[in-house]
Amino acid sequence: MGILSLVSGRPGPSGFGSASTAEQVSESIDASGLTAIITGGASGIGLETTRVLTMRGAHVIIAARNIKAANEAKQAILKNNENAKIDVLELDLSSLNSVNAFVHTFKALNLPLNILINNAGVMFCPYQLSQDGIEMHFATNYLGHFHLTNLLLDKMKETATTTGIEGRIVILSSLAHAYTYEQGIRFEKINDKDSYSKKAYGQSKLANILHANELTRRLKEEGVNITVNSVNPGFIMTDLMRHSFVLMRIFQLLTYPIWQTVVQGAATSCYVALHPNLKGVSGKYFMYCNEYATSNLATEPELAKKLWDYSRNLVKSLRHS
C-alpha cells in the first residue's frame, strides 16, 4: 500500500485502510469477558483504544503516570457509556520500581489478563536520564514495557490456558524505527550524551519491534497460546509530539493529506488486539490495519536475541543496584 492508498484511504487486503476508524475495525466484535491493560490509555490514541475496547465489552485497566488525568478520562468514557468497565492504576514506565508496584497491584485484583497493549511513550524529548539512569526514550518506550511484559506473562499464560482464549500482546512502534543509529541499537552507548540525537527515538521504536519478534519466537517454542505483534499507528498529531510541536506543525501543514485523526490512529491497535482474522498471527508488523514490511534491522533475529539478553541483564542490574 503506497502513498496514493494512504491519501485515498483505500482498504488493503484486510478490508481496512488508513481511513478506517477504531470503531469500524472492531464492529460486531464481542470483547465481553476479556480483560486488557493499556499503558498510556488516558490520552491520545491510547484513550480512543480504551474507549473502543470498553464499548466492545472489555474490562480495561488504564495504566497511567498521571492518575488525575486518567480518572478524568475514565469519567469521560463513563459519561457516554455507563456500562464501561474501567480501572485506573498508576504506572511510570521510566521507573522499574513503578513497574514492579503496578504489577503487584494488578495481580492483587485477581483478574485474568487477555490483552496487553504497550501504547505509552515519549517522543523527541531533550536528553535526560530516567530515575534508573537510562536514556529516557529507551527507558520509557522500550525497557519499561519489556519489564512490564515479562512480569505479566505468567498471568497471560494462565489466562490463555484456563479460558482457551488466545492472549494478545500489542506493542506500538513507529515508522521511525527505520531512522535509528547505523548499528540499530547502540548497546555500549545507550546513555551517551555527546552523540545523542533524535535517532534515540527511532532506536527505542526499533527495540519495540525486535522485542515483539523475539518474544514471539520464545512463546512459539513454549507452545503458548499468546500472539505478539507490533504496530505503527500512523501519522497523528498528539501530545506525544509536544517536544517538537512547531517543527511537527510545519511538517503537518506541508504533508496534510497523509495525517490521520486520533480515531483512525487507534484503529490498528484495536484491529490487532481484537479482530478474529488475526487469530494465530504473531511476530508481524502492522500499519493501517494491514501487514507491512519493516526495516532490515528489525528482521534480524540475532539482533533481537542480543537485545533480549542485554535487556534482561540491564533490568537485573538495576533491580539490584
C-alpha atoms as a PDB file:
ATOM      1  CA  MET A   1       0.000   0.000   0.000  1.00  0.00           C
ATOM      2  CA  GLY A   2       1.697   3.170  -1.234  1.00  0.00           C
ATOM      3  CA  ILE A   3       1.261   6.891  -0.705  1.00  0.00           C
ATOM      4  CA  LEU A   4      -1.780   7.068  -3.014  1.00  0.00           C
ATOM      5  CA  SER A   5      -3.560   4.449  -0.948  1.00  0.00           C
ATOM      6  CA  LEU A   6      -2.621   6.328   2.195  1.00  0.00           C
ATOM      7  CA  VAL A   7      -4.061   9.586   0.894  1.00  0.00           C
ATOM      8  CA  SER A   8      -7.200   7.967  -0.526  1.00  0.00           C
ATOM      9  CA  GLY A   9      -7.802   5.669   2.429  1.00  0.00           C
ATOM     10  CA  ARG A  10      -8.326   2.741   0.069  1.00  0.00           C
ATOM     11  CA  PRO A  11      -8.660  -0.518   2.034  1.00  0.00           C
ATOM     12  CA  GLY A  12      -5.840  -3.043   1.928  1.00  0.00           C
ATOM     13  CA  PRO A  13      -6.051  -6.871   1.997  1.00  0.00           C
ATOM     14  CA  SER A  14      -7.604  -6.788   5.481  1.00  0.00           C
ATOM     15  CA  GLY A  15     -10.542  -4.775   4.200  1.00  0.00           C
ATOM     16  CA  PHE A  16      -9.395  -1.748   6.172  1.00  0.00           C
ATOM     17  CA  GLY A  17      -7.034   1.133   5.481  1.00  0.00           C
ATOM     18  CA  SER A  18      -5.797   4.483   6.707  1.00  0.00           C
ATOM     19  CA  ALA A  19      -9.307   5.967   6.726  1.00  0.00           C
ATOM     20  CA  SER A  20     -10.740   3.194   8.906  1.00  0.00           C
ATOM     21  CA  THR A  21     -11.624   4.057  12.489  1.00  0.00           C
ATOM     22  CA  ALA A  22     -11.222   2.012  15.657  1.00  0.00           C
ATOM     23  CA  GLU A  23     -14.979   1.554  15.861  1.00  0.00           C
ATOM     24  CA  GLN A  24     -15.170   0.319  12.281  1.00  0.00           C
ATOM     25  CA  VAL A  25     -12.426  -2.292  12.590  1.00  0.00           C
ATOM     26  CA  SER A  26     -13.976  -3.689  15.793  1.00  0.00           C
ATOM     27  CA  GLU A  27     -17.592  -3.567  14.664  1.00  0.00           C
ATOM     28  CA  SER A  28     -19.651  -6.597  15.765  1.00  0.00           C
ATOM     29  CA  ILE A  29     -16.765  -7.972  17.854  1.00  0.00           C
ATOM     30  CA  ASP A  30     -17.816  -9.084  21.343  1.00  0.00           C
ATOM     31  CA  ALA A  31     -14.981  -8.486  23.810  1.00  0.00           C
ATOM     32  CA  SER A  32     -17.070  -9.068  26.934  1.00  0.00           C
ATOM     33  CA  GLY A  33     -15.242 -11.295  29.364  1.00  0.00           C
ATOM     34  CA  LEU A  34     -11.853 -10.043  28.182  1.00  0.00           C
ATOM     35  CA  THR A  35      -9.503  -8.010  30.362  1.00  0.00           C
ATOM     36  CA  ALA A  36      -6.993  -5.613  28.815  1.00  0.00           C
ATOM     37  CA  ILE A  37      -4.201  -3.427  30.135  1.00  0.00           C
ATOM     38  CA  ILE A  38      -3.437  -0.326  28.069  1.00  0.00           C
ATOM     39  CA  THR A  39      -0.397   1.739  29.002  1.00  0.00           C
ATOM     40  CA  GLY A  40      -0.942   5.427  28.367  1.00  0.00           C
ATOM     41  CA  GLY A  41      -4.647   4.730  27.992  1.00  0.00           C
ATOM     42  CA  ALA A  42      -5.698   8.153  29.271  1.00  0.00           C
ATOM     43  CA  SER A  43      -4.850  10.322  26.270  1.00  0.00           C
ATOM     44  CA  GLY A  44      -4.444  10.337  22.510  1.00  0.00           C
ATOM     45  CA  ILE A  45      -4.775   7.039  20.674  1.00  0.00           C
ATOM     46  CA  GLY A  46      -4.482   5.207  23.993  1.00  0.00           C
ATOM     47  CA  LEU A  47      -7.666   6.875  25.213  1.00  0.00           C
ATOM     48  CA  GLU A  48      -9.511   6.079  21.987  1.00  0.00           C
ATOM     49  CA  THR A  49      -8.316   2.478  22.222  1.00  0.00           C
ATOM     50  CA  THR A  50      -9.633   2.346  25.786  1.00  0.00           C
ATOM     51  CA  ARG A  51     -12.975   3.823  24.754  1.00  0.00           C
ATOM     52  CA  VAL A  52     -13.497   1.391  21.901  1.00  0.00           C
ATOM     53  CA  LEU A  53     -12.404  -1.705  23.827  1.00  0.00           C
ATOM     54  CA  THR A  54     -14.821  -0.837  26.638  1.00  0.00           C
ATOM     55  CA  MET A  55     -17.514  -0.187  24.031  1.00  0.00           C
ATOM     56  CA  ARG A  56     -16.977  -3.773  22.833  1.00  0.00           C
ATOM     57  CA  GLY A  57     -17.357  -5.037  26.386  1.00  0.00           C
ATOM     58  CA  ALA A  58     -13.757  -5.463  27.542  1.00  0.00           C
ATOM     59  CA  HIS A  59     -12.660  -4.608  31.080  1.00  0.00           C
ATOM     60  CA  VAL A  60      -9.817  -2.126  30.603  1.00  0.00           C
ATOM     61  CA  ILE A  61      -7.138  -1.189  33.104  1.00  0.00           C
ATOM     62  CA  ILE A  62      -5.655   2.180  32.238  1.00  0.00           C
ATOM     63  CA  ALA A  63      -2.005   2.175  33.278  1.00  0.00           C
ATOM     64  CA  ALA A  64      -1.029   5.830  33.540  1.00  0.00           C
ATOM     65  CA  ARG A  65       1.588   8.065  35.120  1.00  0.00           C
ATOM     66  CA  ASN A  66      -0.901  10.912  35.608  1.00  0.00           C
ATOM     67  CA  ILE A  67      -3.636   9.438  37.810  1.00  0.00           C
ATOM     68  CA  LYS A  68      -5.714  12.620  37.803  1.00  0.00           C
ATOM     69  CA  ALA A  69      -5.835  12.723  34.008  1.00  0.00           C
ATOM     70  CA  ALA A  70      -6.565   9.002  33.870  1.00  0.00           C
ATOM     71  CA  ASN A  71      -9.509   9.324  36.247  1.00  0.00           C
ATOM     72  CA  GLU A  72     -10.840  12.238  34.217  1.00  0.00           C
ATOM     73  CA  ALA A  73     -10.568  10.091  31.075  1.00  0.00           C
ATOM     74  CA  LYS A  74     -12.402   7.293  32.866  1.00  0.00           C
ATOM     75  CA  GLN A  75     -15.254   9.611  33.836  1.00  0.00           C
ATOM     76  CA  ALA A  76     -15.495  10.966  30.287  1.00  0.00           C
ATOM     77  CA  ILE A  77     -15.932   7.428  28.951  1.00  0.00           C
ATOM     78  CA  LEU A  78     -18.442   6.501  31.660  1.00  0.00           C
ATOM     79  CA  LYS A  79     -20.478   9.613  30.849  1.00  0.00           C
ATOM     80  CA  ASN A  80     -21.202   8.193  27.395  1.00  0.00           C
ATOM     81  CA  ASN A  81     -21.087   4.506  28.324  1.00  0.00           C
ATOM     82  CA  GLU A  82     -22.272   3.906  31.869  1.00  0.00           C
ATOM     83  CA  ASN A  83     -21.650   0.165  31.500  1.00  0.00           C
ATOM     84  CA  ALA A  84     -17.961   0.608  30.679  1.00  0.00           C
ATOM     85  CA  LYS A  85     -15.629  -1.415  32.892  1.00  0.00           C
ATOM     86  CA  ILE A  86     -12.537   0.670  33.640  1.00  0.00           C
ATOM     87  CA  ASP A  87      -9.954   0.710  36.388  1.00  0.00           C
ATOM     88  CA  VAL A  88      -7.059   3.121  36.770  1.00  0.00           C
ATOM     89  CA  LEU A  89      -3.670   2.099  38.148  1.00  0.00           C
ATOM     90  CA  GLU A  90      -0.528   4.193  38.436  1.00  0.00           C
ATOM     91  CA  LEU A  91       2.415   3.312  36.191  1.00  0.00           C
ATOM     92  CA  ASP A  92       5.548   5.283  35.345  1.00  0.00           C
ATOM     93  CA  LEU A  93       7.321   3.246  32.686  1.00  0.00           C
ATOM     94  CA  SER A  94      10.580   5.127  33.194  1.00  0.00           C
ATOM     95  CA  SER A  95      10.872   3.564  36.669  1.00  0.00           C
ATOM     96  CA  LEU A  96      11.330  -0.178  37.162  1.00  0.00           C
ATOM     97  CA  ASN A  97      10.135   0.216  40.752  1.00  0.00           C
ATOM     98  CA  SER A  98       6.907   1.712  39.441  1.00  0.00           C
ATOM     99  CA  VAL A  99       6.520  -1.195  37.006  1.00  0.00           C
ATOM    100  CA  ASN A 100       7.014  -3.640  39.872  1.00  0.00           C
ATOM    101  CA  ALA A 101       4.428  -1.829  42.005  1.00  0.00           C
ATOM    102  CA  PHE A 102       1.915  -1.726  39.165  1.00  0.00           C
ATOM    103  CA  VAL A 103       2.167  -5.463  38.523  1.00  0.00           C
ATOM    104  CA  HIS A 104       1.856  -6.209  42.231  1.00  0.00           C
ATOM    105  CA  THR A 105      -1.290  -4.068  42.459  1.00  0.00           C
ATOM    106  CA  PHE A 106      -2.803  -5.552  39.307  1.00  0.00           C
ATOM    107  CA  LYS A 107      -2.233  -9.134  40.413  1.00  0.00           C
ATOM    108  CA  ALA A 108      -3.872  -8.343  43.761  1.00  0.00           C
ATOM    109  CA  LEU A 109      -7.082  -7.595  41.843  1.00  0.00           C
ATOM    110  CA  ASN A 110      -7.183 -11.280  40.907  1.00  0.00           C
ATOM    111  CA  LEU A 111      -8.279 -10.527  37.356  1.00  0.00           C
ATOM    112  CA  PRO A 112      -7.484 -12.507  34.207  1.00  0.00           C
ATOM    113  CA  LEU A 113      -5.372 -10.846  31.514  1.00  0.00           C
ATOM    114  CA  ASN A 114      -6.196 -11.434  27.871  1.00  0.00           C
ATOM    115  CA  ILE A 115      -4.774  -8.365  26.159  1.00  0.00           C
ATOM    116  CA  LEU A 116      -1.738  -6.174  26.843  1.00  0.00           C
ATOM    117  CA  ILE A 117      -1.335  -3.054  24.727  1.00  0.00           C
ATOM    118  CA  ASN A 118       2.039  -1.367  25.212  1.00  0.00           C
ATOM    119  CA  ASN A 119       0.952   2.037  23.966  1.00  0.00           C
ATOM    120  CA  ALA A 120       2.590   4.729  26.126  1.00  0.00           C
ATOM    121  CA  GLY A 121       5.733   6.558  25.108  1.00  0.00           C
ATOM    122  CA  VAL A 122       7.749   9.735  24.755  1.00  0.00           C
ATOM    123  CA  MET A 123       8.969  11.331  21.555  1.00  0.00           C
ATOM    124  CA  PHE A 124      11.895  13.613  20.704  1.00  0.00           C
ATOM    125  CA  CYS A 125      12.385  14.739  24.285  1.00  0.00           C
ATOM    126  CA  PRO A 126      15.604  16.552  25.226  1.00  0.00           C
ATOM    127  CA  TYR A 127      18.397  14.357  26.551  1.00  0.00           C
ATOM    128  CA  GLN A 128      17.603  13.171  30.034  1.00  0.00           C
ATOM    129  CA  LEU A 129      18.011  10.084  32.165  1.00  0.00           C
ATOM    130  CA  SER A 130      15.243   8.150  33.888  1.00  0.00           C
ATOM    131  CA  GLN A 131      15.094   7.516  37.629  1.00  0.00           C
ATOM    132  CA  ASP A 132      17.099   4.370  36.922  1.00  0.00           C
ATOM    133  CA  GLY A 133      19.747   6.285  34.985  1.00  0.00           C
ATOM    134  CA  ILE A 134      18.686   5.178  31.497  1.00  0.00           C
ATOM    135  CA  GLU A 135      18.186   7.441  28.471  1.00  0.00           C
ATOM    136  CA  MET A 136      14.523   8.428  28.566  1.00  0.00           C
ATOM    137  CA  HIS A 137      13.372   7.157  25.155  1.00  0.00           C
ATOM    138  CA  PHE A 138      14.932   3.750  25.722  1.00  0.00           C
ATOM    139  CA  ALA A 139      13.682   3.604  29.317  1.00  0.00           C
ATOM    140  CA  THR A 140      10.077   4.638  28.677  1.00  0.00           C
ATOM    141  CA  ASN A 141       9.306   3.398  25.186  1.00  0.00           C
ATOM    142  CA  TYR A 142      11.140   0.115  25.439  1.00  0.00           C
ATOM    143  CA  LEU A 143      12.732  -1.058  28.700  1.00  0.00           C
ATOM    144  CA  GLY A 144       9.744  -0.304  30.933  1.00  0.00           C
ATOM    145  CA  HIS A 145       7.456  -2.163  28.558  1.00  0.00           C
ATOM    146  CA  PHE A 146       9.941  -5.041  28.272  1.00  0.00           C
ATOM    147  CA  HIS A 147       9.958  -5.440  32.047  1.00  0.00           C
ATOM    148  CA  LEU A 148       6.190  -4.979  32.344  1.00  0.00           C
ATOM    149  CA  THR A 149       5.508  -7.617  29.699  1.00  0.00           C
ATOM    150  CA  ASN A 150       7.826 -10.148  31.296  1.00  0.00           C
ATOM    151  CA  LEU A 151       6.220  -9.651  34.707  1.00  0.00           C
ATOM    152  CA  LEU A 152       2.722 -10.139  33.259  1.00  0.00           C
ATOM    153  CA  LEU A 153       3.496 -13.142  31.062  1.00  0.00           C
ATOM    154  CA  ASP A 154       2.657 -15.748  33.697  1.00  0.00           C
ATOM    155  CA  LYS A 155      -0.759 -14.159  34.234  1.00  0.00           C
ATOM    156  CA  MET A 156      -1.386 -14.089  30.486  1.00  0.00           C
ATOM    157  CA  LYS A 157      -0.288 -17.713  30.095  1.00  0.00           C
ATOM    158  CA  GLU A 158      -2.529 -18.761  32.963  1.00  0.00           C
ATOM    159  CA  THR A 159      -5.491 -16.898  31.453  1.00  0.00           C
ATOM    160  CA  ALA A 160      -4.951 -18.373  27.987  1.00  0.00           C
ATOM    161  CA  THR A 161      -4.686 -21.887  29.437  1.00  0.00           C
ATOM    162  CA  THR A 162      -7.706 -21.734  31.736  1.00  0.00           C
ATOM    163  CA  THR A 163     -10.022 -19.941  29.289  1.00  0.00           C
ATOM    164  CA  GLY A 164      -8.821 -21.370  25.997  1.00  0.00           C
ATOM    165  CA  ILE A 165      -8.882 -17.834  24.619  1.00  0.00           C
ATOM    166  CA  GLU A 166      -5.836 -16.615  22.717  1.00  0.00           C
ATOM    167  CA  GLY A 167      -3.907 -13.907  24.531  1.00  0.00           C
ATOM    168  CA  ARG A 168      -2.689 -10.937  22.523  1.00  0.00           C
ATOM    169  CA  ILE A 169       0.186  -8.541  23.138  1.00  0.00           C
ATOM    170  CA  VAL A 170       0.262  -5.388  21.008  1.00  0.00           C
ATOM    171  CA  ILE A 171       3.433  -3.291  21.020  1.00  0.00           C
ATOM    172  CA  LEU A 172       3.329   0.169  19.491  1.00  0.00           C
ATOM    173  CA  SER A 173       6.270   1.070  17.327  1.00  0.00           C
ATOM    174  CA  SER A 174       6.665   3.695  14.615  1.00  0.00           C
ATOM    175  CA  LEU A 175       7.812   4.293  11.062  1.00  0.00           C
ATOM    176  CA  ALA A 176      10.725   5.980  12.830  1.00  0.00           C
ATOM    177  CA  HIS A 177      12.124   2.531  13.688  1.00  0.00           C
ATOM    178  CA  ALA A 178      13.909   2.752  10.330  1.00  0.00           C
ATOM    179  CA  TYR A 179      15.590   6.046  11.337  1.00  0.00           C
ATOM    180  CA  THR A 180      17.909   4.842  14.047  1.00  0.00           C
ATOM    181  CA  TYR A 181      21.658   4.701  14.574  1.00  0.00           C
ATOM    182  CA  GLU A 182      23.711   2.825  11.980  1.00  0.00           C
ATOM    183  CA  GLN A 183      24.099  -0.304  14.117  1.00  0.00           C
ATOM    184  CA  GLY A 184      20.434  -0.221  15.134  1.00  0.00           C
ATOM    185  CA  ILE A 185      20.852  -0.490  18.899  1.00  0.00           C
ATOM    186  CA  ARG A 186      23.884   1.183  20.467  1.00  0.00           C
ATOM    187  CA  PHE A 187      24.349  -1.276  23.300  1.00  0.00           C
ATOM    188  CA  GLU A 188      27.552   0.399  24.505  1.00  0.00           C
ATOM    189  CA  LYS A 189      26.208   3.938  24.177  1.00  0.00           C
ATOM    190  CA  ILE A 190      22.599   3.821  25.353  1.00  0.00           C
ATOM    191  CA  ASN A 191      23.230   6.729  27.721  1.00  0.00           C
ATOM    192  CA  ASP A 192      25.857   8.610  25.698  1.00  0.00           C
ATOM    193  CA  LYS A 193      25.061  12.311  25.881  1.00  0.00           C
ATOM    194  CA  ASP A 194      27.689  13.619  23.470  1.00  0.00           C
ATOM    195  CA  SER A 195      26.330  11.684  20.476  1.00  0.00           C
ATOM    196  CA  TYR A 196      22.670  11.879  21.482  1.00  0.00           C
ATOM    197  CA  SER A 197      20.237  12.769  18.691  1.00  0.00           C
ATOM    198  CA  LYS A 198      16.602  12.336  17.696  1.00  0.00           C
ATOM    199  CA  LYS A 199      17.647   8.899  16.450  1.00  0.00           C
ATOM    200  CA  ALA A 200      17.281   7.811  20.071  1.00  0.00           C
ATOM    201  CA  TYR A 201      13.535   7.760  19.432  1.00  0.00           C
ATOM    202  CA  GLY A 202      13.993   5.563  16.361  1.00  0.00           C
ATOM    203  CA  GLN A 203      16.287   3.284  18.357  1.00  0.00           C
ATOM    204  CA  SER A 204      13.607   2.753  21.004  1.00  0.00           C
ATOM    205  CA  LYS A 205      10.983   2.027  18.350  1.00  0.00           C
ATOM    206  CA  LEU A 206      13.268  -0.466  16.619  1.00  0.00           C
ATOM    207  CA  ALA A 207      13.707  -2.107  20.018  1.00  0.00           C
ATOM    208  CA  ASN A 208       9.912  -2.425  20.294  1.00  0.00           C
ATOM    209  CA  ILE A 209       9.718  -4.458  17.071  1.00  0.00           C
ATOM    210  CA  LEU A 210      12.710  -6.608  17.992  1.00  0.00           C
ATOM    211  CA  HIS A 211      11.065  -7.262  21.365  1.00  0.00           C
ATOM    212  CA  ALA A 212       7.843  -8.398  19.673  1.00  0.00           C
ATOM    213  CA  ASN A 213       9.734 -10.684  17.298  1.00  0.00           C
ATOM    214  CA  GLU A 214      11.913 -12.325  19.942  1.00  0.00           C
ATOM    215  CA  LEU A 215       9.006 -12.785  22.343  1.00  0.00           C
ATOM    216  CA  THR A 216       7.045 -14.386  19.509  1.00  0.00           C
ATOM    217  CA  ARG A 217       9.861 -16.864  18.930  1.00  0.00           C
ATOM    218  CA  ARG A 218      10.055 -17.763  22.600  1.00  0.00           C
ATOM    219  CA  LEU A 219       6.306 -18.207  23.044  1.00  0.00           C
ATOM    220  CA  LYS A 220       6.086 -20.382  19.932  1.00  0.00           C
ATOM    221  CA  GLU A 221       8.844 -22.604  21.309  1.00  0.00           C
ATOM    222  CA  GLU A 222       6.812 -22.997  24.510  1.00  0.00           C
ATOM    223  CA  GLY A 223       3.622 -23.652  22.574  1.00  0.00           C
ATOM    224  CA  VAL A 224       1.862 -20.816  24.397  1.00  0.00           C
ATOM    225  CA  ASN A 225      -1.452 -19.531  23.038  1.00  0.00           C
ATOM    226  CA  ILE A 226      -0.381 -15.869  23.007  1.00  0.00           C
ATOM    227  CA  THR A 227       0.405 -13.746  19.950  1.00  0.00           C
ATOM    228  CA  VAL A 228       2.702 -10.723  19.875  1.00  0.00           C
ATOM    229  CA  ASN A 229       2.613  -8.108  17.134  1.00  0.00           C
ATOM    230  CA  SER A 230       3.991  -4.605  16.661  1.00  0.00           C
ATOM    231  CA  VAL A 231       2.009  -1.760  15.127  1.00  0.00           C
ATOM    232  CA  ASN A 232       2.585   1.667  13.652  1.00  0.00           C
ATOM    233  CA  PRO A 233      -0.457   3.851  14.419  1.00  0.00           C
ATOM    234  CA  GLY A 234       0.278   6.216  11.512  1.00  0.00           C
ATOM    235  CA  PHE A 235       0.640   9.990  11.347  1.00  0.00           C
ATOM    236  CA  ILE A 236      -1.332  11.515  14.218  1.00  0.00           C
ATOM    237  CA  MET A 237      -0.731  14.834  15.972  1.00  0.00           C
ATOM    238  CA  THR A 238      -0.951  14.087  19.705  1.00  0.00           C
ATOM    239  CA  ASP A 239       0.631  15.326  22.940  1.00  0.00           C
ATOM    240  CA  LEU A 240       3.451  12.884  22.236  1.00  0.00           C
ATOM    241  CA  MET A 241       4.871  15.494  19.857  1.00  0.00           C
ATOM    242  CA  ARG A 242       4.964  18.317  22.389  1.00  0.00           C
ATOM    243  CA  HIS A 243       8.776  18.389  22.427  1.00  0.00           C
ATOM    244  CA  SER A 244       8.888  19.210  18.704  1.00  0.00           C
ATOM    245  CA  PHE A 245       5.499  20.873  18.318  1.00  0.00           C
ATOM    246  CA  VAL A 246       6.474  23.736  15.996  1.00  0.00           C
ATOM    247  CA  LEU A 247       8.548  21.512  13.720  1.00  0.00           C
ATOM    248  CA  MET A 248       5.804  18.893  13.538  1.00  0.00           C
ATOM    249  CA  ARG A 249       3.146  21.535  12.846  1.00  0.00           C
ATOM    250  CA  ILE A 250       5.164  22.805   9.884  1.00  0.00           C
ATOM    251  CA  PHE A 251       5.648  19.229   8.666  1.00  0.00           C
ATOM    252  CA  GLN A 252       1.923  18.597   9.093  1.00  0.00           C
ATOM    253  CA  LEU A 253       0.999  21.655   7.006  1.00  0.00           C
ATOM    254  CA  LEU A 254       3.298  20.506   4.215  1.00  0.00           C
ATOM    255  CA  THR A 255       2.025  16.932   4.289  1.00  0.00           C
ATOM    256  CA  TYR A 256      -1.558  17.397   5.468  1.00  0.00           C
ATOM    257  CA  PRO A 257      -3.137  14.725   3.160  1.00  0.00           C
ATOM    258  CA  ILE A 258      -1.356  11.852   4.943  1.00  0.00           C
ATOM    259  CA  TRP A 259      -2.293  12.795   8.516  1.00  0.00           C
ATOM    260  CA  GLN A 260      -4.989  10.897  10.384  1.00  0.00           C
ATOM    261  CA  THR A 261      -7.359  11.643  13.213  1.00  0.00           C
ATOM    262  CA  VAL A 262      -6.990  10.007  16.618  1.00  0.00           C
ATOM    263  CA  VAL A 263      -9.980   7.732  15.938  1.00  0.00           C
ATOM    264  CA  GLN A 264      -8.190   6.495  12.820  1.00  0.00           C
ATOM    265  CA  GLY A 265      -4.857   6.246  14.609  1.00  0.00           C
ATOM    266  CA  ALA A 266      -6.284   3.864  17.215  1.00  0.00           C
ATOM    267  CA  ALA A 267      -7.705   1.567  14.536  1.00  0.00           C
ATOM    268  CA  THR A 268      -4.612  -0.604  14.087  1.00  0.00           C
ATOM    269  CA  SER A 269      -4.218  -1.242  17.818  1.00  0.00           C
ATOM    270  CA  CYS A 270      -7.874  -2.259  18.096  1.00  0.00           C
ATOM    271  CA  TYR A 271      -7.668  -4.384  14.950  1.00  0.00           C
ATOM    272  CA  VAL A 272      -4.612  -6.312  16.118  1.00  0.00           C
ATOM    273  CA  ALA A 273      -5.974  -6.679  19.665  1.00  0.00           C
ATOM    274  CA  LEU A 274      -9.453  -7.885  18.756  1.00  0.00           C
ATOM    275  CA  HIS A 275     -10.040  -8.971  15.185  1.00  0.00           C
ATOM    276  CA  PRO A 276     -10.693 -12.707  14.643  1.00  0.00           C
ATOM    277  CA  ASN A 277      -8.862 -12.628  11.293  1.00  0.00           C
ATOM    278  CA  LEU A 278      -5.577 -12.353  13.213  1.00  0.00           C
ATOM    279  CA  LYS A 279      -6.065 -15.498  15.275  1.00  0.00           C
ATOM    280  CA  GLY A 280      -2.677 -17.239  15.441  1.00  0.00           C
ATOM    281  CA  VAL A 281      -0.871 -14.381  13.656  1.00  0.00           C
ATOM    282  CA  SER A 282       2.279 -13.398  15.559  1.00  0.00           C
ATOM    283  CA  GLY A 283       5.583 -11.647  15.016  1.00  0.00           C
ATOM    284  CA  LYS A 284       4.192  -9.294  12.363  1.00  0.00           C
ATOM    285  CA  TYR A 285       4.246  -5.521  11.919  1.00  0.00           C
ATOM    286  CA  PHE A 286       1.003  -3.733  11.086  1.00  0.00           C
ATOM    287  CA  MET A 287       0.219  -0.280   9.743  1.00  0.00           C
ATOM    288  CA  TYR A 288      -3.231   0.966   8.711  1.00  0.00           C
ATOM    289  CA  CYS A 289      -4.632  -2.417   9.788  1.00  0.00           C
ATOM    290  CA  ASN A 290      -2.521  -4.291   7.242  1.00  0.00           C
ATOM    291  CA  GLU A 291       0.735  -6.200   7.493  1.00  0.00           C
ATOM    292  CA  TYR A 292       3.727  -4.140   6.362  1.00  0.00           C
ATOM    293  CA  ALA A 293       7.403  -4.758   5.837  1.00  0.00           C
ATOM    294  CA  THR A 294       9.865  -3.383   8.387  1.00  0.00           C
ATOM    295  CA  SER A 295      13.445  -2.190   8.034  1.00  0.00           C
ATOM    296  CA  ASN A 296      16.123  -4.835   7.541  1.00  0.00           C
ATOM    297  CA  LEU A 297      17.438  -4.295  11.067  1.00  0.00           C
ATOM    298  CA  ALA A 298      14.013  -5.082  12.517  1.00  0.00           C
ATOM    299  CA  THR A 299      14.079  -8.539  10.918  1.00  0.00           C
ATOM    300  CA  GLU A 300      17.482  -9.604  12.267  1.00  0.00           C
ATOM    301  CA  PRO A 301      16.923 -12.484  14.728  1.00  0.00           C
ATOM    302  CA  GLU A 302      20.427 -12.226  16.183  1.00  0.00           C
ATOM    303  CA  LEU A 303      19.934  -8.546  16.962  1.00  0.00           C
ATOM    304  CA  ALA A 304      16.625  -9.387  18.623  1.00  0.00           C
ATOM    305  CA  LYS A 305      18.246 -12.089  20.762  1.00  0.00           C
ATOM    306  CA  LYS A 306      21.110  -9.777  21.688  1.00  0.00           C
ATOM    307  CA  LEU A 307      18.669  -7.051  22.718  1.00  0.00           C
ATOM    308  CA  TRP A 308      16.683  -9.528  24.829  1.00  0.00           C
ATOM    309  CA  ASP A 309      19.780 -10.700  26.705  1.00  0.00           C
ATOM    310  CA  TYR A 310      21.037  -7.150  27.110  1.00  0.00           C
ATOM    311  CA  SER A 311      17.672  -6.028  28.481  1.00  0.00           C
ATOM    312  CA  ARG A 312      17.345  -8.909  30.935  1.00  0.00           C
ATOM    313  CA  ASN A 313      20.832  -8.217  32.275  1.00  0.00           C
ATOM    314  CA  LEU A 314      20.162  -4.468  32.450  1.00  0.00           C
ATOM    315  CA  VAL A 315      16.907  -4.957  34.373  1.00  0.00           C
ATOM    316  CA  LYS A 316      18.633  -7.380  36.723  1.00  0.00           C
ATOM    317  CA  SER A 317      21.484  -4.948  37.393  1.00  0.00           C
ATOM    318  CA  LEU A 318      19.102  -2.056  38.025  1.00  0.00           C
ATOM    319  CA  ARG A 319      16.926  -4.069  40.398  1.00  0.00           C
ATOM    320  CA  HIS A 320      19.980  -4.991  42.465  1.00  0.00           C
ATOM    321  CA  SER A 321      21.766  -1.648  42.324  1.00  0.00           C
END
